[in-house]
Amino acid sequence: MSGAEQTAARSSFGKWVNGRAERWLVKHVPALERVTLHRSNIFILPASQGLLFIITAMIIFVAAINYVLSLAFALAFLMVSLFGSSGKLVGKNQPKSARQ
């Protein structure tokens, strides 16, 4: 694939993902003039670094399965648990008014 073809493929995939996300949001989050924030309408998604972190943990996990490495299993589970606990810590750092 040439550089132009790769760029076009990425662009079309990005448009497809954005279109799917837009349709999902329109279906699940109706447009309102005034919005009150609560758990059902706040979406916390990982940034590209977070996705890379999870993908790395998955690769380590697959390698641990393939080569039967106990230390790699421990590392993969530690990485996933750190990712999960960081989400809980983010929620605890919100002010009380935002959590109610």
N, C-alpha and C. Protein backbone atom coordinates (compact mmCIF):
# COMPACT_ATOMS: atom_id res chain seq x y z
N MET A 1 0.83 -1.19 0.00
CA MET A 1 0.00 0.00 0.00
C MET A 1 0.88 1.25 0.00
N SER A 2 0.53 2.18 -0.82
CA SER A 2 1.29 3.43 -0.85
C SER A 2 0.83 4.34 0.29
N GLY A 3 1.56 5.42 0.49
CA GLY A 3 1.23 6.35 1.56
C GLY A 3 -0.14 6.98 1.40
N ALA A 4 -0.49 7.32 0.15
CA ALA A 4 -1.80 7.93 -0.11
C ALA A 4 -2.93 6.95 0.18
N GLU A 5 -2.72 5.67 -0.18
CA GLU A 5 -3.75 4.65 0.08
C GLU A 5 -3.92 4.42 1.58
N GLN A 6 -2.81 4.43 2.33
CA GLN A 6 -2.89 4.24 3.78
C GLN A 6 -3.63 5.41 4.42
N THR A 7 -3.34 6.61 3.97
CA THR A 7 -4.02 7.79 4.51
C THR A 7 -5.50 7.73 4.21
N ALA A 8 -5.86 7.32 2.99
CA ALA A 8 -7.27 7.21 2.62
C ALA A 8 -7.96 6.13 3.45
N ALA A 9 -7.27 5.01 3.69
CA ALA A 9 -7.85 3.93 4.48
C ALA A 9 -8.07 4.39 5.93
N ARG A 10 -7.08 5.09 6.49
CA ARG A 10 -7.25 5.61 7.85
C ARG A 10 -8.38 6.61 7.91
N SER A 11 -8.46 7.47 6.90
CA SER A 11 -9.49 8.49 6.87
C SER A 11 -10.87 7.85 6.79
N SER A 12 -11.04 6.85 5.93
CA SER A 12 -12.35 6.23 5.81
C SER A 12 -12.71 5.46 7.08
N PHE A 13 -11.72 4.80 7.71
CA PHE A 13 -11.98 4.11 8.97
C PHE A 13 -12.36 5.11 10.05
N GLY A 14 -11.65 6.24 10.10
CA GLY A 14 -11.97 7.28 11.08
C GLY A 14 -13.37 7.84 10.87
N LYS A 15 -13.75 8.04 9.62
CA LYS A 15 -15.10 8.53 9.32
C LYS A 15 -16.14 7.50 9.75
N TRP A 16 -15.84 6.22 9.53
CA TRP A 16 -16.77 5.16 9.91
C TRP A 16 -16.95 5.13 11.43
N VAL A 17 -15.83 5.21 12.17
CA VAL A 17 -15.90 5.20 13.63
C VAL A 17 -16.64 6.42 14.14
N ASN A 18 -16.35 7.59 13.59
CA ASN A 18 -17.02 8.81 14.02
C ASN A 18 -18.52 8.76 13.72
N GLY A 19 -18.87 8.21 12.56
CA GLY A 19 -20.28 8.07 12.22
C GLY A 19 -21.01 7.15 13.18
N ARG A 20 -20.37 6.01 13.51
CA ARG A 20 -20.98 5.07 14.46
C ARG A 20 -21.15 5.73 15.83
N ALA A 21 -20.11 6.44 16.28
CA ALA A 21 -20.18 7.11 17.58
C ALA A 21 -21.27 8.17 17.58
N GLU A 22 -21.37 8.92 16.50
CA GLU A 22 -22.40 9.97 16.40
C GLU A 22 -23.80 9.37 16.44
N ARG A 23 -24.03 8.28 15.71
CA ARG A 23 -25.35 7.62 15.72
C ARG A 23 -25.67 7.08 17.11
N TRP A 24 -24.66 6.51 17.79
CA TRP A 24 -24.89 5.98 19.13
C TRP A 24 -25.26 7.11 20.09
N LEU A 25 -24.54 8.23 20.01
CA LEU A 25 -24.83 9.36 20.89
C LEU A 25 -26.22 9.93 20.64
N VAL A 26 -26.60 10.07 19.38
CA VAL A 26 -27.92 10.59 19.05
C VAL A 26 -29.00 9.67 19.60
N LYS A 27 -28.77 8.37 19.53
CA LYS A 27 -29.75 7.40 20.01
C LYS A 27 -29.83 7.36 21.54
N HIS A 28 -28.71 7.44 22.23
CA HIS A 28 -28.67 7.26 23.67
C HIS A 28 -28.67 8.55 24.48
N VAL A 29 -28.28 9.66 23.88
CA VAL A 29 -28.24 10.94 24.60
C VAL A 29 -29.01 11.97 23.79
N PRO A 30 -30.28 12.17 24.14
CA PRO A 30 -31.09 13.13 23.36
C PRO A 30 -30.59 14.56 23.54
N ALA A 31 -30.77 15.37 22.51
CA ALA A 31 -30.36 16.77 22.56
C ALA A 31 -31.33 17.56 23.43
N LEU A 32 -30.79 18.29 24.39
CA LEU A 32 -31.59 19.12 25.29
C LEU A 32 -30.98 20.51 25.37
N GLU A 33 -31.82 21.49 25.73
CA GLU A 33 -31.29 22.84 25.90
C GLU A 33 -30.48 22.94 27.19
N ARG A 34 -30.94 22.26 28.22
CA ARG A 34 -30.25 22.30 29.51
C ARG A 34 -30.00 20.86 29.95
N VAL A 35 -28.78 20.59 30.38
CA VAL A 35 -28.39 19.23 30.75
C VAL A 35 -27.93 19.22 32.20
N THR A 36 -28.44 18.27 32.96
CA THR A 36 -27.97 18.03 34.32
C THR A 36 -27.05 16.81 34.26
N LEU A 37 -25.83 16.99 34.72
CA LEU A 37 -24.86 15.90 34.65
C LEU A 37 -25.09 14.89 35.76
N HIS A 38 -25.12 13.63 35.39
CA HIS A 38 -25.16 12.52 36.33
C HIS A 38 -24.51 11.32 35.67
N ARG A 39 -24.48 10.19 36.36
CA ARG A 39 -23.72 9.03 35.89
C ARG A 39 -24.14 8.53 34.52
N SER A 40 -25.39 8.65 34.18
CA SER A 40 -25.84 8.07 32.91
C SER A 40 -25.47 8.91 31.70
N ASN A 41 -25.05 10.15 31.88
CA ASN A 41 -24.69 10.95 30.71
C ASN A 41 -23.26 11.51 30.76
N ILE A 42 -22.40 10.92 31.59
CA ILE A 42 -20.98 11.27 31.60
C ILE A 42 -20.22 10.05 31.09
N PHE A 43 -19.45 10.23 30.04
CA PHE A 43 -18.70 9.14 29.44
C PHE A 43 -17.22 9.42 29.58
N ILE A 44 -16.51 8.58 30.31
CA ILE A 44 -15.07 8.73 30.47
C ILE A 44 -14.40 7.67 29.62
N LEU A 45 -13.75 8.10 28.56
CA LEU A 45 -13.10 7.18 27.64
C LEU A 45 -11.59 7.35 27.74
N PRO A 46 -10.84 6.27 27.59
CA PRO A 46 -9.39 6.40 27.67
C PRO A 46 -8.83 7.16 26.47
N ALA A 47 -7.79 7.91 26.72
CA ALA A 47 -7.08 8.61 25.65
C ALA A 47 -6.24 7.60 24.88
N SER A 48 -5.51 8.06 23.89
CA SER A 48 -4.70 7.15 23.08
C SER A 48 -3.63 6.46 23.94
N GLN A 49 -3.09 7.15 24.95
CA GLN A 49 -2.11 6.51 25.82
C GLN A 49 -2.76 5.40 26.64
N GLY A 50 -3.99 5.60 27.07
CA GLY A 50 -4.70 4.57 27.82
C GLY A 50 -4.99 3.35 26.96
N LEU A 51 -5.39 3.59 25.71
CA LEU A 51 -5.63 2.48 24.80
C LEU A 51 -4.34 1.72 24.52
N LEU A 52 -3.25 2.44 24.35
CA LEU A 52 -1.96 1.80 24.14
C LEU A 52 -1.56 0.96 25.35
N PHE A 53 -1.85 1.46 26.55
CA PHE A 53 -1.56 0.74 27.79
C PHE A 53 -2.34 -0.57 27.84
N ILE A 54 -3.64 -0.52 27.51
CA ILE A 54 -4.47 -1.73 27.52
C ILE A 54 -4.02 -2.71 26.44
N ILE A 55 -3.70 -2.22 25.26
CA ILE A 55 -3.23 -3.10 24.19
C ILE A 55 -1.92 -3.77 24.59
N THR A 56 -1.04 -3.01 25.25
CA THR A 56 0.22 -3.59 25.72
C THR A 56 -0.05 -4.68 26.76
N ALA A 57 -0.98 -4.43 27.67
CA ALA A 57 -1.33 -5.44 28.67
C ALA A 57 -1.89 -6.69 28.00
N MET A 58 -2.70 -6.51 26.95
CA MET A 58 -3.25 -7.67 26.24
C MET A 58 -2.16 -8.46 25.53
N ILE A 59 -1.20 -7.77 24.93
CA ILE A 59 -0.09 -8.45 24.25
C ILE A 59 0.75 -9.22 25.26
N ILE A 60 1.01 -8.61 26.42
CA ILE A 60 1.77 -9.31 27.46
C ILE A 60 1.00 -10.53 27.94
N PHE A 61 -0.32 -10.40 28.08
CA PHE A 61 -1.14 -11.53 28.52
C PHE A 61 -1.10 -12.67 27.51
N VAL A 62 -1.23 -12.36 26.23
CA VAL A 62 -1.17 -13.39 25.19
C VAL A 62 0.21 -14.05 25.17
N ALA A 63 1.25 -13.26 25.31
CA ALA A 63 2.60 -13.83 25.35
C ALA A 63 2.78 -14.72 26.58
N ALA A 64 2.19 -14.32 27.70
CA ALA A 64 2.28 -15.14 28.91
C ALA A 64 1.56 -16.47 28.73
N ILE A 65 0.42 -16.44 28.04
CA ILE A 65 -0.29 -17.69 27.74
C ILE A 65 0.56 -18.56 26.83
N ASN A 66 1.13 -17.95 25.80
CA ASN A 66 1.89 -18.70 24.81
C ASN A 66 3.14 -19.34 25.40
N TYR A 67 3.87 -18.59 26.23
CA TYR A 67 5.14 -19.08 26.76
C TYR A 67 5.05 -19.57 28.21
N VAL A 68 3.85 -19.57 28.80
CA VAL A 68 3.60 -20.01 30.17
C VAL A 68 4.57 -19.31 31.14
N LEU A 69 4.48 -17.99 31.16
CA LEU A 69 5.34 -17.18 32.03
C LEU A 69 4.51 -16.59 33.17
N SER A 70 4.77 -17.07 34.37
CA SER A 70 4.00 -16.60 35.53
C SER A 70 4.25 -15.12 35.81
N LEU A 71 5.48 -14.68 35.65
CA LEU A 71 5.79 -13.28 35.91
C LEU A 71 5.09 -12.37 34.90
N ALA A 72 4.97 -12.82 33.66
CA ALA A 72 4.26 -12.02 32.66
C ALA A 72 2.77 -11.96 32.98
N PHE A 73 2.20 -13.07 33.49
CA PHE A 73 0.80 -13.03 33.93
C PHE A 73 0.64 -12.00 35.04
N ALA A 74 1.54 -12.02 35.99
CA ALA A 74 1.48 -11.06 37.10
C ALA A 74 1.56 -9.63 36.59
N LEU A 75 2.45 -9.38 35.65
CA LEU A 75 2.59 -8.04 35.08
C LEU A 75 1.32 -7.61 34.36
N ALA A 76 0.75 -8.51 33.55
CA ALA A 76 -0.47 -8.17 32.81
C ALA A 76 -1.62 -7.86 33.77
N PHE A 77 -1.80 -8.69 34.79
CA PHE A 77 -2.88 -8.45 35.75
C PHE A 77 -2.63 -7.19 36.56
N LEU A 78 -1.38 -6.91 36.89
CA LEU A 78 -1.04 -5.68 37.60
C LEU A 78 -1.38 -4.46 36.74
N MET A 79 -1.04 -4.52 35.46
CA MET A 79 -1.33 -3.40 34.56
C MET A 79 -2.82 -3.14 34.46
N VAL A 80 -3.61 -4.20 34.30
CA VAL A 80 -5.06 -4.04 34.19
C VAL A 80 -5.65 -3.52 35.50
N SER A 81 -5.15 -4.01 36.63
CA SER A 81 -5.67 -3.53 37.91
C SER A 81 -5.31 -2.07 38.15
N LEU A 82 -4.12 -1.65 37.74
CA LEU A 82 -3.75 -0.23 37.85
C LEU A 82 -4.63 0.64 36.98
N PHE A 83 -4.94 0.15 35.78
CA PHE A 83 -5.82 0.89 34.88
C PHE A 83 -7.21 1.05 35.49
N GLY A 84 -7.72 -0.04 36.08
CA GLY A 84 -9.05 0.00 36.69
C GLY A 84 -9.09 0.86 37.93
N SER A 85 -8.07 0.76 38.77
CA SER A 85 -8.07 1.55 40.00
C SER A 85 -7.86 3.04 39.71
N SER A 86 -7.19 3.37 38.62
CA SER A 86 -7.04 4.79 38.28
C SER A 86 -8.39 5.41 37.94
N GLY A 87 -9.27 4.62 37.35
CA GLY A 87 -10.63 5.12 37.08
C GLY A 87 -11.39 5.39 38.36
N LYS A 88 -11.22 4.53 39.38
CA LYS A 88 -11.88 4.76 40.67
C LYS A 88 -11.32 6.01 41.33
N LEU A 89 -10.00 6.23 41.22
CA LEU A 89 -9.40 7.40 41.83
C LEU A 89 -9.87 8.69 41.17
N VAL A 90 -10.10 8.65 39.87
CA VAL A 90 -10.60 9.83 39.17
C VAL A 90 -11.97 10.19 39.72
N GLY A 91 -12.81 9.18 39.96
CA GLY A 91 -14.15 9.44 40.50
C GLY A 91 -14.10 10.02 41.90
N LYS A 92 -13.14 9.58 42.71
CA LYS A 92 -13.02 10.09 44.07
C LYS A 92 -12.52 11.53 44.11
N ASN A 93 -11.84 11.98 43.08
CA ASN A 93 -11.30 13.34 43.07
C ASN A 93 -12.32 14.38 42.65
N GLN A 94 -13.51 13.94 42.27
CA GLN A 94 -14.54 14.91 41.89
C GLN A 94 -15.07 15.59 43.15
N PRO A 95 -15.47 16.85 43.02
CA PRO A 95 -16.08 17.52 44.18
C PRO A 95 -17.42 16.86 44.53
N LYS A 96 -17.85 17.00 45.77
CA LYS A 96 -19.09 16.35 46.22
C LYS A 96 -20.28 16.81 45.40
N SER A 97 -20.33 18.05 44.99
CA SER A 97 -21.46 18.54 44.21
C SER A 97 -21.57 17.83 42.87
N ALA A 98 -20.45 17.42 42.28
CA ALA A 98 -20.48 16.73 41.00
C ALA A 98 -20.88 15.28 41.16
N ARG A 99 -20.65 14.68 42.34
CA ARG A 99 -20.96 13.27 42.55
C ARG A 99 -22.42 13.04 42.88
N GLN A 100 -23.15 14.05 43.29
CA GLN A 100 -24.55 13.85 43.70
C GLN A 100 -25.49 13.85 42.55
